[in-house]
Amino acid sequence: ESIKGQINDMKLQRKSGLWDAKIRTAKEKNKILSAFAVVIASLIQEKSQADFAISLSNNLLLSYQLLDDIADFQSDYAEGNNTALLCKINAHHSLGVRRLLLDEVIISGTMKNMVEIILKTLKKNISMLDNYHFINKEGNAYNYFKHLLAGVEGLSKLIEQYQEHPGLRKVLIRSIDKQIRIVCQST
């Protein structure tokens, strides 16, 4: 399925729109990595721990794929790779300027939609970690998820402010761009 996902992703790269198909291929193309979680899960005796490993991996991979699309939005645009983030904007020659392009993906709603999916998957992972007794909640992995969630929540709030206060967009676009770099650097 991973290869099929990669092939579908390549077929969709030059097509605009198709939000659902692009999100589906984002999940599919990481199936090879999910297979490792299945292998690990098969070695775990307790079914709940095995299910936990698979679900955690799938959520994490989707979050990372979408964060990668956000991190690379400018180069993806320049290369004509029409990712889920870029699928609803109209191509303009002037959009080569990073902040103009960022403005378009925020106004189109795709940035907000992607950030909502990322928040949902990260919150689900943290909830799963909270509910499993074998997880060290003082450990680096747990703190990493909490830190990443806080960064994405900050990005979400900035996007909301940007959409609600057009007069502040010039200032907010810089903050959003900075927050994107911070969050994506941590992945």
Protein backbone atom coordinates (compact mmCIF):
# COMPACT_ATOMS: atom_id res chain seq x y z
CA GLU A 1 0.00 0.00 0.00
CA SER A 2 2.90 2.34 0.62
CA ILE A 3 4.08 2.07 -2.98
CA LYS A 4 0.52 2.58 -4.18
CA GLY A 5 0.33 5.69 -1.97
CA GLN A 6 3.57 7.04 -3.43
CA ILE A 7 2.31 6.42 -6.98
CA ASN A 8 -1.02 8.10 -6.20
CA ASP A 9 0.84 11.01 -4.63
CA MET A 10 2.90 11.43 -7.81
CA LYS A 11 -0.26 11.34 -9.95
CA LEU A 12 -1.89 14.03 -7.80
CA GLN A 13 1.15 16.33 -7.61
CA ARG A 14 0.19 18.50 -10.57
CA LYS A 15 -3.56 18.54 -9.86
CA SER A 16 -5.28 21.22 -7.82
CA GLY A 17 -8.24 20.60 -5.56
CA LEU A 18 -8.77 16.99 -4.44
CA TRP A 19 -8.20 17.71 -0.72
CA ASP A 20 -9.57 14.33 0.45
CA ALA A 21 -7.49 12.37 -2.06
CA LYS A 22 -4.34 14.22 -1.04
CA ILE A 23 -4.92 13.56 2.67
CA ARG A 24 -5.63 9.88 1.90
CA THR A 25 -2.35 9.54 -0.03
CA ALA A 26 -0.51 11.26 2.84
CA LYS A 27 -1.69 8.37 5.03
CA GLU A 28 -1.06 5.68 2.41
CA LYS A 29 2.48 6.61 1.49
CA ASN A 30 3.67 6.02 5.04
CA LYS A 31 2.25 2.49 5.27
CA ILE A 32 5.73 0.98 4.93
CA LEU A 33 6.73 2.71 8.15
CA SER A 34 3.48 1.60 9.78
CA ALA A 35 4.48 -1.95 8.94
CA PHE A 36 7.35 -1.63 11.42
CA ALA A 37 4.81 -0.81 14.12
CA VAL A 38 2.92 -3.97 13.18
CA VAL A 39 6.12 -6.01 13.48
CA ILE A 40 6.83 -4.50 16.90
CA ALA A 41 3.22 -5.06 17.90
CA SER A 42 3.49 -8.73 16.92
CA LEU A 43 6.33 -9.09 19.41
CA ILE A 44 4.28 -7.58 22.21
CA GLN A 45 2.26 -10.10 24.18
CA GLU A 46 -0.47 -7.76 25.42
CA LYS A 47 -3.01 -6.88 22.69
CA SER A 48 -3.72 -3.39 24.07
CA GLN A 49 -0.01 -2.53 23.85
CA ALA A 50 0.17 -3.86 20.29
CA ASP A 51 -2.88 -1.82 19.24
CA PHE A 52 -1.35 1.18 20.99
CA ALA A 53 1.92 0.85 19.02
CA ILE A 54 0.12 0.67 15.67
CA SER A 55 -2.27 3.54 16.36
CA LEU A 56 0.44 5.77 17.78
CA SER A 57 2.63 5.16 14.73
CA ASN A 58 -0.16 5.88 12.25
CA ASN A 59 -1.12 9.13 13.99
CA LEU A 60 2.46 10.25 14.30
CA LEU A 61 3.27 9.53 10.66
CA LEU A 62 0.25 11.48 9.43
CA SER A 63 1.19 14.43 11.64
CA TYR A 64 4.75 14.38 10.35
CA GLN A 65 3.64 14.12 6.72
CA LEU A 66 1.38 17.16 7.08
CA LEU A 67 4.03 19.11 9.00
CA ASP A 68 6.45 18.28 6.19
CA ASP A 69 3.98 19.72 3.67
CA ILE A 70 3.74 22.89 5.77
CA ALA A 71 7.53 23.12 6.15
CA ASP A 72 8.13 22.67 2.42
CA PHE A 73 5.21 24.69 1.06
CA GLN A 74 7.38 27.23 -0.74
CA SER A 75 9.61 24.68 -2.49
CA ASP A 76 6.61 22.45 -3.25
CA TYR A 77 4.91 25.42 -4.89
CA ALA A 78 8.02 26.29 -6.90
CA GLU A 79 8.32 22.67 -8.09
CA GLY A 80 4.63 22.42 -8.97
CA ASN A 81 4.03 19.77 -6.30
CA ASN A 82 0.41 20.47 -5.49
CA THR A 83 0.25 19.10 -1.93
CA ALA A 84 -2.88 19.07 0.23
CA LEU A 85 -1.78 22.44 1.59
CA LEU A 86 -1.49 23.98 -1.88
CA CYS A 87 -4.43 22.24 -3.54
CA LYS A 88 -6.94 25.09 -3.21
CA ILE A 89 -4.90 28.09 -4.26
CA ASN A 90 -4.77 29.57 -7.72
CA ALA A 91 -1.31 29.70 -9.27
CA HIS A 92 0.02 33.23 -9.67
CA HIS A 93 3.50 34.08 -10.80
CA SER A 94 3.88 36.53 -7.91
CA LEU A 95 3.25 33.80 -5.33
CA GLY A 96 6.94 32.89 -5.43
CA VAL A 97 7.27 35.36 -2.56
CA ARG A 98 7.00 33.26 0.60
CA ARG A 99 4.67 35.51 2.57
CA LEU A 100 2.29 36.05 -0.37
CA LEU A 101 2.07 32.29 -0.79
CA LEU A 102 1.58 31.84 2.95
CA ASP A 103 -1.23 34.40 2.81
CA GLU A 104 -2.93 32.38 0.05
CA VAL A 105 -2.79 29.05 1.90
CA ILE A 106 -4.21 30.67 5.03
CA ILE A 107 -7.01 32.50 3.22
CA SER A 108 -7.89 29.37 1.20
CA GLY A 109 -8.46 27.49 4.48
CA THR A 110 -6.10 24.62 3.72
CA MET A 111 -3.54 25.69 6.34
CA LYS A 112 -6.25 25.78 9.01
CA ASN A 113 -7.62 22.39 7.89
CA MET A 114 -4.16 20.78 8.01
CA VAL A 115 -3.36 22.27 11.39
CA GLU A 116 -6.69 20.94 12.73
CA ILE A 117 -5.83 17.42 11.52
CA ILE A 118 -2.37 17.67 13.08
CA LEU A 119 -3.86 18.89 16.38
CA LYS A 120 -6.39 16.05 16.36
CA THR A 121 -3.74 13.36 15.78
CA LEU A 122 -1.31 14.83 18.32
CA LYS A 123 -4.05 15.13 20.96
CA LYS A 124 -5.07 11.55 20.26
CA ASN A 125 -1.46 10.41 20.73
CA ILE A 126 -1.10 12.30 24.00
CA SER A 127 -4.42 10.91 25.23
CA MET A 128 -3.24 7.42 24.35
CA LEU A 129 0.02 8.02 26.19
CA ASP A 130 -1.89 9.34 29.20
CA ASN A 131 -4.10 6.24 29.31
CA TYR A 132 -1.39 3.59 29.10
CA HIS A 133 0.27 2.64 32.36
CA PHE A 134 3.55 1.57 30.77
CA ILE A 135 4.43 5.07 29.50
CA ASN A 136 6.86 7.23 31.43
CA LYS A 137 5.15 10.62 31.53
CA GLU A 138 8.38 12.25 32.62
CA GLY A 139 10.29 10.87 29.65
CA ASN A 140 11.59 12.66 26.58
CA ALA A 141 9.10 11.13 24.13
CA TYR A 142 6.09 12.24 26.16
CA ASN A 143 7.50 15.73 26.64
CA TYR A 144 8.30 15.93 22.93
CA PHE A 145 4.63 15.29 22.04
CA LYS A 146 3.48 17.89 24.57
CA HIS A 147 5.97 20.43 23.23
CA LEU A 148 4.99 19.74 19.61
CA LEU A 149 1.31 20.03 20.50
CA ALA A 150 1.90 23.39 22.20
CA GLY A 151 3.73 24.67 19.13
CA VAL A 152 0.96 23.57 16.76
CA GLU A 153 -1.67 25.08 19.09
CA GLY A 154 0.24 28.35 18.94
CA LEU A 155 0.24 28.17 15.15
CA SER A 156 -3.51 27.48 15.17
CA LYS A 157 -4.19 30.55 17.33
CA LEU A 158 -2.11 32.76 15.05
CA ILE A 159 -4.01 31.49 12.00
CA GLU A 160 -7.33 32.24 13.73
CA GLN A 161 -6.17 35.77 14.57
CA TYR A 162 -5.01 36.24 10.99
CA GLN A 163 -8.43 35.28 9.65
CA GLU A 164 -10.36 37.34 12.21
CA HIS A 165 -8.28 40.55 12.06
CA PRO A 166 -7.43 41.56 8.47
CA GLY A 167 -5.88 44.81 9.71
CA LEU A 168 -3.22 42.89 11.62
CA ARG A 169 -2.27 40.51 8.82
CA LYS A 170 1.03 42.19 8.00
CA VAL A 171 2.26 41.69 11.55
CA LEU A 172 0.66 38.28 12.03
CA ILE A 173 2.07 36.79 8.81
CA ARG A 174 5.59 37.22 10.19
CA SER A 175 4.58 35.53 13.44
CA ILE A 176 2.92 32.67 11.57
CA ASP A 177 5.98 32.18 9.37
CA LYS A 178 8.23 32.16 12.44
CA GLN A 179 5.95 29.69 14.26
CA ILE A 180 5.92 27.38 11.22
CA ARG A 181 9.73 27.34 11.20
CA ILE A 182 9.88 26.64 14.96
CA VAL A 183 7.28 23.83 14.88
CA CYS A 184 8.62 22.18 11.74
CA GLN A 185 12.21 22.37 12.96
CA SER A 186 11.25 20.24 15.95
CA THR A 187 10.07 17.42 13.69
